[in-house]
């Protein structure tokens, strides 16, 4: 099967590619890989890897300032860094959160999301992977605790609404997109077995890329890493150019500490990204 990747805004896509690859390299450096080793294994100019290493060391410095309680110093350093660099989305989020903390208020997530390049969930995972802990204002914890029950209720409403459309005899009534949404709602509502059953059924019937990704995520979140890995490799069999599934596999291998597999998967991701850019030139 041949997959055609259509890219509307090449400048934005190139930025996303650089961002993801840089963060993976920074994590490999943090995990103990040497600059030379990464440059050789991934066929990346050593200067690029050195830049990533400098950024990692800068983040370590910011984390040290935070741990020592020097929040204003961290803010000053971040502002200077952002002023003098191009790739600094993670640092921008760190700066916004530190400013909000020191002013005794909660950062409006909408303000960050106005920048299309910001994925807060991904950035939180990046910081967590580097053991960087940003101080959280007390009111944020209270808001999160207060909203948990309401979130589950909302997903239950989605589930009930979709299930009303299903014919109990034929089980028809939902299209592929709606079934993926139903599985997602099951998962978010904590109904894991029902989510898993729905996703497996979707895969058998449609071979859905979205369903594969959801199922891999579900098993990973449930700490069933062997099952998550098996579904990922099956997904890659049907979608051999899928970067997203490889990124999920990469996450699994990180948790397992399989450094050779991490390096191999990252190399594949970089190669596929290069091919996609070449197609659109």
Protein backbone atom coordinates (compact mmCIF):
# COMPACT_ATOMS: atom_id res chain seq x y z
CA UNK A 1 0.00 0.00 0.00
CA UNK A 2 1.36 3.47 -0.92
CA UNK A 3 0.68 6.36 1.46
CA UNK A 4 0.61 9.94 0.18
CA UNK A 5 1.29 12.56 2.83
CA UNK A 6 -0.25 15.92 1.97
CA UNK A 7 1.36 18.86 3.74
CA UNK A 8 -0.43 22.20 3.54
CA UNK A 9 2.00 24.37 5.44
CA UNK A 10 5.54 23.08 4.97
CA UNK A 11 7.08 25.69 7.27
CA UNK A 12 4.89 24.65 10.19
CA UNK A 13 5.37 20.92 9.54
CA UNK A 14 9.16 21.30 9.36
CA UNK A 15 9.02 23.06 12.73
CA UNK A 16 6.99 20.20 14.22
CA UNK A 17 9.44 17.64 12.86
CA UNK A 18 12.44 19.51 14.29
CA UNK A 19 10.66 19.92 17.61
CA UNK A 20 9.87 16.23 18.02
CA UNK A 21 13.29 15.06 16.89
CA UNK A 22 15.11 17.53 19.12
CA UNK A 23 13.13 16.48 22.17
CA UNK A 24 13.87 12.81 21.52
CA UNK A 25 17.59 13.61 21.17
CA UNK A 26 17.53 15.68 24.38
CA UNK A 27 15.93 12.73 26.20
CA UNK A 28 18.55 10.31 24.84
CA UNK A 29 21.30 12.65 26.07
CA UNK A 30 19.59 12.84 29.46
CA UNK A 31 19.48 9.03 29.57
CA UNK A 32 23.24 8.82 29.10
CA UNK A 33 23.90 8.55 25.36
CA UNK A 34 26.96 10.52 24.23
CA UNK A 35 26.89 13.30 21.64
CA UNK A 36 29.12 11.30 19.29
CA UNK A 37 27.07 8.13 19.69
CA UNK A 38 23.80 9.87 18.80
CA UNK A 39 25.38 11.70 15.86
CA UNK A 40 26.73 8.45 14.45
CA UNK A 41 23.70 6.22 15.09
CA UNK A 42 21.11 8.71 13.82
CA UNK A 43 23.25 10.17 11.03
CA UNK A 44 22.78 13.71 12.36
CA UNK A 45 25.48 16.44 12.19
CA UNK A 46 27.33 16.54 15.49
CA UNK A 47 26.72 20.30 15.75
CA UNK A 48 22.96 19.64 15.89
CA UNK A 49 23.40 17.16 18.73
CA UNK A 50 25.69 19.56 20.59
CA UNK A 51 22.96 22.22 20.38
CA UNK A 52 20.50 19.76 21.93
CA UNK A 53 23.02 19.01 24.69
CA UNK A 54 23.37 22.72 25.44
CA UNK A 55 19.59 23.02 25.69
CA UNK A 56 19.47 20.04 28.06
CA UNK A 57 22.13 21.63 30.27
CA UNK A 58 20.17 24.89 30.26
CA UNK A 59 17.02 23.08 31.43
CA UNK A 60 19.04 21.40 34.18
CA UNK A 61 20.21 24.85 35.28
CA UNK A 62 16.62 26.14 35.37
CA UNK A 63 15.55 23.09 37.36
CA UNK A 64 18.36 23.74 39.85
CA UNK A 65 17.18 27.35 40.27
CA UNK A 66 13.63 26.09 40.93
CA UNK A 67 14.81 23.51 43.46
CA UNK A 68 16.80 26.18 45.30
CA UNK A 69 13.79 28.49 45.32
CA UNK A 70 15.35 31.05 42.96
CA UNK A 71 12.24 31.42 40.80
CA UNK A 72 12.97 34.98 39.69
CA UNK A 73 16.45 33.99 38.58
CA UNK A 74 14.92 31.12 36.57
CA UNK A 75 12.48 33.57 34.96
CA UNK A 76 15.29 35.97 33.99
CA UNK A 77 17.33 33.14 32.45
CA UNK A 78 14.33 31.80 30.53
CA UNK A 79 13.46 35.25 29.15
CA UNK A 80 17.04 35.70 27.95
CA UNK A 81 17.10 32.22 26.40
CA UNK A 82 13.80 32.74 24.54
CA UNK A 83 14.99 36.11 23.23
CA UNK A 84 18.10 34.56 21.70
CA UNK A 85 16.85 31.22 20.32
CA UNK A 86 14.40 29.96 17.70
CA UNK A 87 13.38 26.62 19.18
CA UNK A 88 12.05 27.40 22.65
CA UNK A 89 8.42 26.27 22.91
CA UNK A 90 9.10 24.17 26.03
CA UNK A 91 10.94 27.09 27.63
CA UNK A 92 8.05 29.44 26.77
CA UNK A 93 5.64 27.19 28.67
CA UNK A 94 8.05 26.93 31.62
CA UNK A 95 8.34 30.73 31.70
CA UNK A 96 4.56 31.26 31.58
CA UNK A 97 3.98 28.79 34.40
CA UNK A 98 6.73 30.23 36.60
CA UNK A 99 5.43 33.77 36.09
CA UNK A 100 1.92 32.66 36.98
CA UNK A 101 3.23 30.89 40.08
CA UNK A 102 5.21 33.85 41.37
CA UNK A 103 2.22 36.15 40.82
CA UNK A 104 0.07 33.80 42.87
CA UNK A 105 -2.34 32.94 40.11
CA UNK A 106 -3.19 30.11 37.71
CA UNK A 107 -2.03 30.31 34.11
CA UNK A 108 -4.96 30.38 31.66
CA UNK A 109 -4.33 27.39 29.38
CA UNK A 110 -6.23 29.15 26.61
CA UNK A 111 -3.44 31.73 26.41
CA UNK A 112 -0.88 29.01 25.72
CA UNK A 113 -3.12 27.14 23.31
CA UNK A 114 -3.42 30.24 21.12
CA UNK A 115 -0.01 29.20 19.87
CA UNK A 116 -0.83 26.22 17.62
CA UNK A 117 2.59 24.72 18.22
CA UNK A 118 1.93 24.28 21.95
CA UNK A 119 0.67 20.89 23.09
CA UNK A 120 0.56 21.21 26.87
CA UNK A 121 0.16 17.50 27.50
CA UNK A 122 3.24 16.69 25.40
CA UNK A 123 5.28 19.40 27.10
CA UNK A 124 4.32 18.12 30.54
CA UNK A 125 5.53 14.67 29.46
CA UNK A 126 8.79 16.18 28.20
CA UNK A 127 9.42 17.93 31.52
CA UNK A 128 8.47 14.84 33.49
CA UNK A 129 10.91 12.75 31.42
CA UNK A 130 13.71 15.16 32.38
CA UNK A 131 12.67 15.18 36.08
CA UNK A 132 11.84 18.88 35.90
CA UNK A 133 9.14 19.81 38.40
CA UNK A 134 7.52 23.21 38.04
CA UNK A 135 5.92 24.64 41.18
CA UNK A 136 2.12 24.45 41.12
CA UNK A 137 -0.10 27.06 42.71
CA UNK A 138 -2.33 25.56 45.40
CA UNK A 139 -5.55 26.65 43.69
CA UNK A 140 -4.61 24.52 40.64
CA UNK A 141 -4.68 21.38 42.76
CA UNK A 142 -8.07 22.30 44.19
CA UNK A 143 -9.50 23.00 40.72
CA UNK A 144 -8.25 19.66 39.39
CA UNK A 145 -9.71 17.75 42.34
CA UNK A 146 -13.03 19.53 42.01
CA UNK A 147 -13.36 18.83 38.29
CA UNK A 148 -12.48 15.11 38.23
CA UNK A 149 -16.02 13.88 39.00
CA UNK A 150 -17.56 16.30 36.50
CA UNK A 151 -15.26 15.06 33.73
CA UNK A 152 -16.39 11.45 34.27
CA UNK A 153 -20.03 12.55 34.22
CA UNK A 154 -19.50 14.31 30.90
CA UNK A 155 -17.97 11.19 29.34
CA UNK A 156 -20.84 9.08 30.64
CA UNK A 157 -23.21 11.46 28.86
CA UNK A 158 -21.30 10.96 25.59
CA UNK A 159 -21.44 7.17 26.05
CA UNK A 160 -25.18 7.15 26.72
CA UNK A 161 -25.87 9.43 23.76
CA UNK A 162 -23.90 7.23 21.36
CA UNK A 163 -25.31 3.96 22.69
CA UNK A 164 -28.84 5.23 22.07
CA UNK A 165 -28.01 5.21 18.34
CA UNK A 166 -27.02 1.52 18.36
CA UNK A 167 -29.52 -1.08 17.15
CA UNK A 168 -29.32 -3.86 19.80
CA UNK A 169 -29.96 -6.58 17.20
CA UNK A 170 -27.68 -5.55 14.34
CA UNK A 171 -25.30 -3.38 16.41
CA UNK A 172 -25.43 -0.89 13.55
CA UNK A 173 -26.02 2.82 13.93
CA UNK A 174 -22.54 4.20 14.58
CA UNK A 175 -20.00 5.07 11.92
CA UNK A 176 -16.27 4.47 12.38
CA UNK A 177 -15.61 7.93 13.82
CA UNK A 178 -18.43 7.60 16.35
CA UNK A 179 -17.16 4.16 17.44
CA UNK A 180 -13.68 5.59 18.00
CA UNK A 181 -15.24 8.36 20.09
CA UNK A 182 -17.24 5.79 22.07
CA UNK A 183 -14.11 3.79 22.83
CA UNK A 184 -12.30 6.97 23.88
CA UNK A 185 -15.20 7.96 26.16
CA UNK A 186 -15.20 4.49 27.76
CA UNK A 187 -11.49 4.85 28.48
CA UNK A 188 -11.77 8.37 29.93
CA UNK A 189 -14.69 7.28 32.09
CA UNK A 190 -12.58 4.46 33.54
CA UNK A 191 -14.53 1.68 31.78
CA UNK A 192 -11.36 0.00 30.51
CA UNK A 193 -12.71 -3.44 29.57
CA UNK A 194 -15.49 -1.90 27.48
CA UNK A 195 -13.00 0.44 25.78
CA UNK A 196 -10.64 -2.44 24.97
CA UNK A 197 -13.47 -4.61 23.62
CA UNK A 198 -14.74 -1.79 21.39
CA UNK A 199 -11.28 -1.01 20.02
CA UNK A 200 -10.47 -4.65 19.23
CA UNK A 201 -13.83 -4.91 17.43
CA UNK A 202 -13.08 -1.74 15.40
CA UNK A 203 -9.64 -3.06 14.40
CA UNK A 204 -11.08 -6.41 13.28
CA UNK A 205 -13.77 -4.71 11.23
CA UNK A 206 -11.96 -1.67 9.83
CA UNK A 207 -8.23 -1.95 10.57
CA UNK A 208 -8.48 1.64 11.87
CA UNK A 209 -5.23 3.55 12.44
CA UNK A 210 -6.94 5.62 15.16
CA UNK A 211 -8.19 2.48 16.91
CA UNK A 212 -4.69 0.97 16.90
CA UNK A 213 -3.29 4.12 18.47
CA UNK A 214 -6.06 4.24 21.08
CA UNK A 215 -5.57 0.59 22.00
CA UNK A 216 -1.79 0.96 22.30
CA UNK A 217 -2.33 4.01 24.54
CA UNK A 218 -4.89 2.15 26.66
CA UNK A 219 -2.59 -0.83 27.27
CA UNK A 220 0.37 1.44 28.01
CA UNK A 221 -1.65 3.45 30.53
CA UNK A 222 -2.75 0.19 32.18
CA UNK A 223 0.94 -0.81 32.33
CA UNK A 224 0.34 -3.76 30.00
CA UNK A 225 3.49 -2.93 28.06
CA UNK A 226 3.85 -6.31 26.35
CA UNK A 227 0.31 -6.07 24.98
CA UNK A 228 0.85 -2.45 23.96
CA UNK A 229 4.02 -3.44 22.10
CA UNK A 230 2.27 -6.31 20.28
CA UNK A 231 -0.54 -4.03 19.10
CA UNK A 232 2.01 -1.43 18.01
CA UNK A 233 3.95 -3.89 15.87
CA UNK A 234 0.72 -5.19 14.35
CA UNK A 235 -0.30 -1.59 13.62
CA UNK A 236 3.02 -0.89 11.88
CA UNK A 237 2.47 -4.00 9.73
CA UNK A 238 -0.69 -2.40 8.32
CA UNK A 239 0.55 1.20 8.47
CA UNK A 240 4.29 0.91 7.70
CA UNK A 241 4.82 4.68 7.42
CA UNK A 242 3.06 5.56 10.67
CA UNK A 243 5.19 7.95 12.71
CA UNK A 244 2.55 8.14 15.47
CA UNK A 245 2.61 4.40 16.22
CA UNK A 246 6.42 4.43 16.22
CA UNK A 247 6.34 7.31 18.71
CA UNK A 248 4.10 5.20 20.95
CA UNK A 249 6.53 2.30 20.63
CA UNK A 250 9.35 4.66 21.49
CA UNK A 251 7.52 5.63 24.69
CA UNK A 252 7.13 1.95 25.62
CA UNK A 253 10.81 1.20 24.99
CA UNK A 254 11.79 4.19 27.15
CA UNK A 255 9.82 2.75 30.06
CA UNK A 256 11.45 -0.64 29.53
CA UNK A 257 14.90 0.93 29.24
CA UNK A 258 15.58 -0.68 25.84
CA UNK A 259 18.08 1.88 24.55
CA UNK A 260 18.94 0.06 21.33
CA UNK A 261 15.27 -0.08 20.36
CA UNK A 262 14.85 3.59 21.23
CA UNK A 263 17.68 4.49 18.90
CA UNK A 264 16.37 2.26 16.09
CA UNK A 265 12.83 3.69 16.31
CA UNK A 266 14.03 7.27 16.42
CA UNK A 267 16.15 6.63 13.32
CA UNK A 268 13.06 5.26 11.52
CA UNK A 269 11.00 8.31 12.54
CA UNK A 270 13.68 10.70 11.29
CA UNK A 271 13.99 8.80 7.99
CA UNK A 272 10.21 8.80 7.39
CA UNK A 273 10.03 12.53 8.18
CA UNK A 274 12.81 13.20 5.67
CA UNK A 275 10.99 11.17 3.02
CA UNK A 276 7.76 13.09 3.63
CA UNK A 277 9.50 16.43 3.18
CA UNK A 278 11.19 15.21 -0.01
CA UNK A 279 7.81 14.14 -1.45
CA UNK A 280 6.42 17.67 -1.06
CA UNK A 281 9.40 19.56 -2.48
